[in-house]
Amino acid sequence: MKINNRFFVFFLCFLSIYLNFKVFAVTGSISPEDLDEIYGWPSVSVPTTKAPKLDGILDDDCWKKSRPITTRMMVFPDYPELKENKTFIRLVSDKENLYIGFECNDSNMEKVGENDTVEMFLDPERTEDYKYF
């Protein structure tokens, strides 16, 4: 049985993000620091009293205090040079909102808008089910 390479790469990319966000499901007395030490998982959300400025620049204090989650890029066989690019996700929350910041590095900035995308799936009710179109 031949596996479609694009599907396989997409699956691995999604699995990586999914596992990073499983930390939301952990309850009890485990602190974020314990998660980081035991599992290598970052504390994913930094609480803040002042919302970040939504200007596309992640230079507010709350963004600087957040720990980046490193993701793996989906790489298609016809774009081997993209393997070196990394994307970092930063999460900040206040009492009402979750702010998500993406830092997407690209070695070919001239073509950054041609076919680059960022997707994030959240599962607040922990159903481990998602839908997309």
N, C-alpha and C. Protein backbone atom coordinates (compact mmCIF):
# COMPACT_ATOMS: atom_id res chain seq x y z
N MET A 1 0.84 -1.17 0.00
CA MET A 1 0.00 0.00 0.00
C MET A 1 0.89 1.25 0.00
N LYS A 2 0.71 2.09 -0.98
CA LYS A 2 1.52 3.29 -1.09
C LYS A 2 0.83 4.44 -0.34
N ILE A 3 1.61 5.12 0.51
CA ILE A 3 1.07 6.23 1.29
C ILE A 3 1.32 7.52 0.52
N ASN A 4 0.29 8.33 0.41
CA ASN A 4 0.41 9.62 -0.23
C ASN A 4 1.33 10.50 0.62
N ASN A 5 2.45 10.94 0.05
CA ASN A 5 3.44 11.71 0.81
C ASN A 5 2.88 13.00 1.38
N ARG A 6 2.06 13.70 0.62
CA ARG A 6 1.51 14.97 1.11
C ARG A 6 0.60 14.73 2.30
N PHE A 7 -0.23 13.71 2.23
CA PHE A 7 -1.11 13.40 3.35
C PHE A 7 -0.29 13.02 4.57
N PHE A 8 0.74 12.22 4.38
CA PHE A 8 1.57 11.78 5.49
C PHE A 8 2.26 12.96 6.17
N VAL A 9 2.79 13.88 5.40
CA VAL A 9 3.45 15.06 5.96
C VAL A 9 2.43 15.92 6.70
N PHE A 10 1.24 16.11 6.12
CA PHE A 10 0.17 16.86 6.79
C PHE A 10 -0.19 16.20 8.10
N PHE A 11 -0.32 14.88 8.10
CA PHE A 11 -0.68 14.16 9.31
C PHE A 11 0.38 14.36 10.39
N LEU A 12 1.65 14.26 10.05
CA LEU A 12 2.71 14.45 11.03
C LEU A 12 2.72 15.87 11.58
N CYS A 13 2.48 16.84 10.71
CA CYS A 13 2.43 18.23 11.15
C CYS A 13 1.27 18.43 12.12
N PHE A 14 0.10 17.93 11.76
CA PHE A 14 -1.07 18.06 12.62
C PHE A 14 -0.85 17.33 13.94
N LEU A 15 -0.27 16.15 13.90
CA LEU A 15 -0.02 15.38 15.11
C LEU A 15 0.91 16.14 16.06
N SER A 16 1.91 16.78 15.51
CA SER A 16 2.83 17.56 16.32
C SER A 16 2.11 18.69 17.05
N ILE A 17 1.27 19.42 16.35
CA ILE A 17 0.51 20.51 16.98
C ILE A 17 -0.47 19.95 17.99
N TYR A 18 -1.15 18.86 17.64
CA TYR A 18 -2.11 18.23 18.55
C TYR A 18 -1.44 17.83 19.86
N LEU A 19 -0.29 17.21 19.78
CA LEU A 19 0.40 16.77 20.99
C LEU A 19 0.86 17.96 21.83
N ASN A 20 1.26 19.04 21.18
CA ASN A 20 1.65 20.22 21.93
C ASN A 20 0.49 20.79 22.73
N PHE A 21 -0.73 20.69 22.19
CA PHE A 21 -1.88 21.28 22.87
C PHE A 21 -2.60 20.32 23.79
N LYS A 22 -2.15 19.08 23.88
CA LYS A 22 -2.73 18.15 24.85
C LYS A 22 -2.50 18.64 26.27
N VAL A 23 -1.57 19.55 26.46
CA VAL A 23 -1.31 20.09 27.79
C VAL A 23 -2.56 20.76 28.36
N PHE A 24 -3.47 21.24 27.51
CA PHE A 24 -4.71 21.83 27.99
C PHE A 24 -5.55 20.82 28.76
N ALA A 25 -5.43 19.55 28.42
CA ALA A 25 -6.26 18.53 29.02
C ALA A 25 -5.75 18.06 30.39
N VAL A 26 -4.56 18.46 30.75
CA VAL A 26 -3.99 18.01 32.02
C VAL A 26 -4.62 18.80 33.16
N THR A 27 -5.11 18.09 34.16
CA THR A 27 -5.69 18.75 35.33
C THR A 27 -5.02 18.20 36.58
N GLY A 28 -5.33 18.79 37.70
CA GLY A 28 -4.77 18.30 38.96
C GLY A 28 -3.70 19.24 39.46
N SER A 29 -2.74 18.68 40.18
CA SER A 29 -1.75 19.51 40.86
C SER A 29 -0.44 19.65 40.09
N ILE A 30 -0.43 19.29 38.82
CA ILE A 30 0.80 19.43 38.04
C ILE A 30 0.92 20.87 37.57
N SER A 31 2.01 21.51 37.93
CA SER A 31 2.23 22.90 37.53
C SER A 31 2.80 22.95 36.12
N PRO A 32 2.71 24.11 35.45
CA PRO A 32 3.32 24.24 34.13
C PRO A 32 4.81 23.93 34.14
N GLU A 33 5.48 24.30 35.23
CA GLU A 33 6.91 24.01 35.33
C GLU A 33 7.17 22.51 35.38
N ASP A 34 6.28 21.77 36.11
CA ASP A 34 6.41 20.31 36.17
C ASP A 34 6.21 19.69 34.80
N LEU A 35 5.22 20.20 34.06
CA LEU A 35 4.98 19.68 32.71
C LEU A 35 6.21 19.85 31.84
N ASP A 36 6.81 21.02 31.94
CA ASP A 36 7.99 21.30 31.14
C ASP A 36 9.13 20.37 31.51
N GLU A 37 9.33 20.16 32.81
CA GLU A 37 10.43 19.32 33.27
C GLU A 37 10.17 17.84 32.98
N ILE A 38 8.96 17.36 33.23
CA ILE A 38 8.66 15.94 33.08
C ILE A 38 8.50 15.54 31.62
N TYR A 39 7.69 16.31 30.89
CA TYR A 39 7.33 15.92 29.53
C TYR A 39 8.00 16.75 28.45
N GLY A 40 8.63 17.84 28.82
CA GLY A 40 9.19 18.72 27.81
C GLY A 40 8.12 19.59 27.17
N TRP A 41 6.93 19.67 27.80
CA TRP A 41 5.85 20.50 27.26
C TRP A 41 5.96 21.90 27.82
N PRO A 42 5.74 22.90 27.01
CA PRO A 42 5.79 24.26 27.52
C PRO A 42 4.50 24.64 28.22
N SER A 43 4.59 25.63 29.09
CA SER A 43 3.39 26.26 29.62
C SER A 43 2.85 27.10 28.48
N VAL A 44 1.68 26.79 28.00
CA VAL A 44 1.27 27.35 26.71
C VAL A 44 0.61 28.71 26.75
N SER A 45 0.06 29.11 27.88
CA SER A 45 -0.63 30.40 27.90
C SER A 45 -0.11 31.24 29.06
N VAL A 46 0.16 32.49 28.76
CA VAL A 46 0.61 33.42 29.78
C VAL A 46 -0.54 34.37 30.10
N PRO A 47 -1.00 34.38 31.37
CA PRO A 47 -2.08 35.31 31.71
C PRO A 47 -1.56 36.75 31.73
N THR A 48 -2.39 37.66 31.30
CA THR A 48 -2.01 39.07 31.28
C THR A 48 -3.20 39.92 31.68
N THR A 49 -2.95 41.07 32.25
CA THR A 49 -4.02 42.00 32.58
C THR A 49 -4.22 43.02 31.48
N LYS A 50 -3.21 43.21 30.66
CA LYS A 50 -3.29 44.16 29.55
C LYS A 50 -3.20 43.40 28.23
N ALA A 51 -4.22 43.55 27.42
CA ALA A 51 -4.25 42.86 26.12
C ALA A 51 -3.12 43.36 25.23
N PRO A 52 -2.56 42.47 24.42
CA PRO A 52 -1.51 42.92 23.50
C PRO A 52 -2.09 43.78 22.39
N LYS A 53 -1.28 44.64 21.86
CA LYS A 53 -1.68 45.45 20.72
C LYS A 53 -1.76 44.53 19.51
N LEU A 54 -2.88 44.55 18.80
CA LEU A 54 -3.07 43.66 17.66
C LEU A 54 -2.59 44.36 16.39
N ASP A 55 -1.29 44.37 16.21
CA ASP A 55 -0.68 45.05 15.07
C ASP A 55 0.19 44.14 14.22
N GLY A 56 0.22 42.85 14.56
CA GLY A 56 1.04 41.92 13.80
C GLY A 56 2.49 41.87 14.24
N ILE A 57 2.84 42.67 15.24
CA ILE A 57 4.21 42.69 15.77
C ILE A 57 4.17 42.16 17.19
N LEU A 58 4.94 41.13 17.47
CA LEU A 58 4.90 40.48 18.78
C LEU A 58 5.96 41.07 19.71
N ASP A 59 5.86 42.39 19.96
CA ASP A 59 6.86 43.03 20.80
C ASP A 59 6.31 43.53 22.14
N ASP A 60 5.04 43.28 22.44
CA ASP A 60 4.48 43.65 23.74
C ASP A 60 5.11 42.78 24.83
N ASP A 61 5.08 43.29 26.06
CA ASP A 61 5.66 42.54 27.19
C ASP A 61 5.04 41.16 27.34
N CYS A 62 3.72 41.06 27.17
CA CYS A 62 3.07 39.75 27.35
C CYS A 62 3.57 38.74 26.32
N TRP A 63 3.82 39.18 25.07
CA TRP A 63 4.36 38.26 24.07
C TRP A 63 5.77 37.83 24.45
N LYS A 64 6.55 38.79 24.96
CA LYS A 64 7.93 38.48 25.33
C LYS A 64 8.01 37.50 26.49
N LYS A 65 7.01 37.55 27.39
CA LYS A 65 7.00 36.64 28.54
C LYS A 65 6.50 35.24 28.16
N SER A 66 5.79 35.14 27.07
CA SER A 66 5.26 33.83 26.67
C SER A 66 6.38 32.96 26.11
N ARG A 67 6.20 31.67 26.26
CA ARG A 67 7.21 30.72 25.76
C ARG A 67 6.75 30.21 24.40
N PRO A 68 7.59 30.29 23.40
CA PRO A 68 7.16 29.85 22.07
C PRO A 68 7.00 28.34 21.97
N ILE A 69 5.97 27.94 21.27
CA ILE A 69 5.76 26.54 20.94
C ILE A 69 6.29 26.38 19.52
N THR A 70 7.23 25.50 19.33
CA THR A 70 7.81 25.28 18.01
C THR A 70 7.00 24.23 17.28
N THR A 71 6.64 24.53 16.05
CA THR A 71 5.91 23.56 15.24
C THR A 71 6.78 23.11 14.09
N ARG A 72 6.37 22.04 13.50
CA ARG A 72 7.06 21.55 12.32
C ARG A 72 6.30 22.02 11.09
N MET A 73 7.03 22.39 10.09
CA MET A 73 6.41 22.88 8.87
C MET A 73 6.04 21.73 7.96
N MET A 74 4.89 21.87 7.32
CA MET A 74 4.50 20.88 6.32
C MET A 74 5.37 21.12 5.09
N VAL A 75 6.11 20.13 4.68
CA VAL A 75 7.03 20.28 3.56
C VAL A 75 6.60 19.35 2.44
N PHE A 76 6.37 19.92 1.28
CA PHE A 76 6.02 19.12 0.12
C PHE A 76 7.29 18.74 -0.63
N PRO A 77 7.26 17.62 -1.32
CA PRO A 77 8.47 17.15 -2.02
C PRO A 77 9.02 18.15 -3.03
N ASP A 78 8.16 18.97 -3.63
CA ASP A 78 8.63 19.90 -4.64
C ASP A 78 9.15 21.22 -4.04
N TYR A 79 9.20 21.31 -2.70
CA TYR A 79 9.75 22.49 -2.03
C TYR A 79 10.75 22.07 -0.95
N PRO A 80 11.84 21.42 -1.32
CA PRO A 80 12.77 20.92 -0.30
C PRO A 80 13.47 22.03 0.49
N GLU A 81 13.56 23.24 -0.06
CA GLU A 81 14.26 24.31 0.65
C GLU A 81 13.49 24.82 1.86
N LEU A 82 12.22 24.46 2.00
CA LEU A 82 11.41 24.96 3.11
C LEU A 82 11.69 24.26 4.43
N LYS A 83 12.48 23.23 4.43
CA LYS A 83 12.74 22.47 5.65
C LYS A 83 13.39 23.32 6.74
N GLU A 84 14.11 24.35 6.37
CA GLU A 84 14.84 25.16 7.34
C GLU A 84 13.96 26.19 8.04
N ASN A 85 12.78 26.45 7.53
CA ASN A 85 11.90 27.45 8.11
C ASN A 85 11.16 26.89 9.31
N LYS A 86 11.00 27.71 10.34
CA LYS A 86 10.29 27.27 11.53
C LYS A 86 9.17 28.26 11.84
N THR A 87 8.13 27.75 12.48
CA THR A 87 7.02 28.58 12.93
C THR A 87 6.92 28.44 14.44
N PHE A 88 6.73 29.56 15.11
CA PHE A 88 6.56 29.59 16.56
C PHE A 88 5.18 30.15 16.87
N ILE A 89 4.52 29.53 17.84
CA ILE A 89 3.21 29.99 18.28
C ILE A 89 3.35 30.49 19.71
N ARG A 90 2.75 31.64 19.99
CA ARG A 90 2.74 32.19 21.34
C ARG A 90 1.29 32.42 21.74
N LEU A 91 0.95 32.03 22.97
CA LEU A 91 -0.41 32.18 23.47
C LEU A 91 -0.41 33.07 24.71
N VAL A 92 -1.31 34.04 24.70
CA VAL A 92 -1.49 34.95 25.82
C VAL A 92 -2.98 35.05 26.07
N SER A 93 -3.38 35.10 27.33
CA SER A 93 -4.81 35.19 27.62
C SER A 93 -5.08 36.22 28.71
N ASP A 94 -6.25 36.84 28.59
CA ASP A 94 -6.75 37.66 29.68
C ASP A 94 -8.05 37.01 30.15
N LYS A 95 -8.87 37.72 30.91
CA LYS A 95 -10.08 37.10 31.45
C LYS A 95 -11.10 36.74 30.38
N GLU A 96 -11.04 37.40 29.23
CA GLU A 96 -12.06 37.20 28.20
C GLU A 96 -11.55 36.62 26.89
N ASN A 97 -10.27 36.70 26.61
CA ASN A 97 -9.77 36.35 25.29
C ASN A 97 -8.50 35.52 25.34
N LEU A 98 -8.32 34.76 24.28
CA LEU A 98 -7.07 34.05 24.03
C LEU A 98 -6.45 34.70 22.81
N TYR A 99 -5.23 35.17 22.94
CA TYR A 99 -4.52 35.82 21.84
C TYR A 99 -3.47 34.85 21.32
N ILE A 100 -3.45 34.68 20.01
CA ILE A 100 -2.54 33.73 19.39
C ILE A 100 -1.61 34.50 18.45
N GLY A 101 -0.32 34.36 18.69
CA GLY A 101 0.66 35.01 17.84
C GLY A 101 1.49 33.98 17.10
N PHE A 102 1.63 34.17 15.81
CA PHE A 102 2.43 33.27 14.98
C PHE A 102 3.66 34.02 14.50
N GLU A 103 4.82 33.41 14.66
CA GLU A 103 6.06 33.93 14.10
C GLU A 103 6.48 32.93 13.04
N CYS A 104 6.30 33.31 11.79
CA CYS A 104 6.57 32.41 10.67
C CYS A 104 7.83 32.88 9.95
N ASN A 105 8.86 32.10 10.04
CA ASN A 105 10.12 32.43 9.37
C ASN A 105 10.11 31.82 7.98
N ASP A 106 10.58 32.58 7.03
CA ASP A 106 10.59 32.10 5.65
C ASP A 106 11.86 32.59 4.98
N SER A 107 12.58 31.69 4.37
CA SER A 107 13.83 32.07 3.70
C SER A 107 13.57 32.75 2.36
N ASN A 108 12.33 32.70 1.88
CA ASN A 108 12.00 33.30 0.59
C ASN A 108 10.86 34.30 0.79
N MET A 109 11.16 35.44 1.37
CA MET A 109 10.14 36.43 1.72
C MET A 109 9.43 37.02 0.50
N GLU A 110 10.05 36.97 -0.66
CA GLU A 110 9.40 37.51 -1.86
C GLU A 110 8.13 36.75 -2.21
N LYS A 111 8.07 35.47 -1.85
CA LYS A 111 6.92 34.64 -2.20
C LYS A 111 6.09 34.27 -0.98
N VAL A 112 6.19 35.05 0.10
CA VAL A 112 5.55 34.67 1.35
C VAL A 112 4.03 34.58 1.24
N GLY A 113 3.40 35.33 0.38
CA GLY A 113 1.95 35.30 0.28
C GLY A 113 1.39 34.34 -0.75
N GLU A 114 2.22 33.64 -1.48
CA GLU A 114 1.74 32.80 -2.57
C GLU A 114 0.96 31.58 -2.11
N ASN A 115 1.50 30.82 -1.19
CA ASN A 115 0.78 29.63 -0.74
C ASN A 115 1.12 29.26 0.70
N ASP A 116 1.44 30.25 1.52
CA ASP A 116 1.72 29.99 2.93
C ASP A 116 0.44 30.14 3.73
N THR A 117 0.20 29.22 4.64
CA THR A 117 -0.98 29.30 5.49
C THR A 117 -0.61 28.89 6.91
N VAL A 118 -1.43 29.32 7.84
CA VAL A 118 -1.31 28.91 9.23
C VAL A 118 -2.70 28.49 9.68
N GLU A 119 -2.79 27.32 10.28
CA GLU A 119 -4.07 26.82 10.79
C GLU A 119 -3.88 26.40 12.24
N MET A 120 -4.92 26.59 13.02
CA MET A 120 -4.87 26.16 14.41
C MET A 120 -6.24 25.59 14.77
N PHE A 121 -6.23 24.42 15.36
CA PHE A 121 -7.46 23.77 15.78
C PHE A 121 -7.51 23.76 17.30
N LEU A 122 -8.60 24.29 17.88
CA LEU A 122 -8.77 24.30 19.32
C LEU A 122 -9.89 23.34 19.70
N ASP A 123 -9.75 22.73 20.84
CA ASP A 123 -10.74 21.76 21.32
C ASP A 123 -11.07 22.07 22.78
N PRO A 124 -11.81 23.17 23.04
CA PRO A 124 -12.05 23.58 24.42
C PRO A 124 -12.86 22.59 25.25
N GLU A 125 -13.67 21.77 24.60
CA GLU A 125 -14.47 20.79 25.34
C GLU A 125 -13.80 19.42 25.41
N ARG A 126 -12.59 19.33 24.89
CA ARG A 126 -11.78 18.11 24.94
C ARG A 126 -12.49 16.90 24.34
N THR A 127 -13.14 17.11 23.21
CA THR A 127 -13.81 16.00 22.53
C THR A 127 -12.85 15.21 21.66
N GLU A 128 -11.68 15.79 21.40
CA GLU A 128 -10.68 15.20 20.51
C GLU A 128 -11.26 14.92 19.13
N ASP A 129 -12.19 15.77 18.73
CA ASP A 129 -12.83 15.69 17.42
C ASP A 129 -12.75 17.09 16.80
N TYR A 130 -12.53 17.17 15.53
CA TYR A 130 -12.49 18.46 14.88
C TYR A 130 -13.11 18.35 13.51
N LYS A 131 -13.56 19.48 13.02
CA LYS A 131 -14.14 19.58 11.68
C LYS A 131 -13.42 20.71 10.96
N TYR A 132 -13.26 20.57 9.68
CA TYR A 132 -12.69 21.65 8.89
C TYR A 132 -13.23 21.57 7.48
N PHE A 133 -13.15 22.68 6.77
CA PHE A 133 -13.65 22.75 5.40
C PHE A 133 -12.53 23.18 4.48
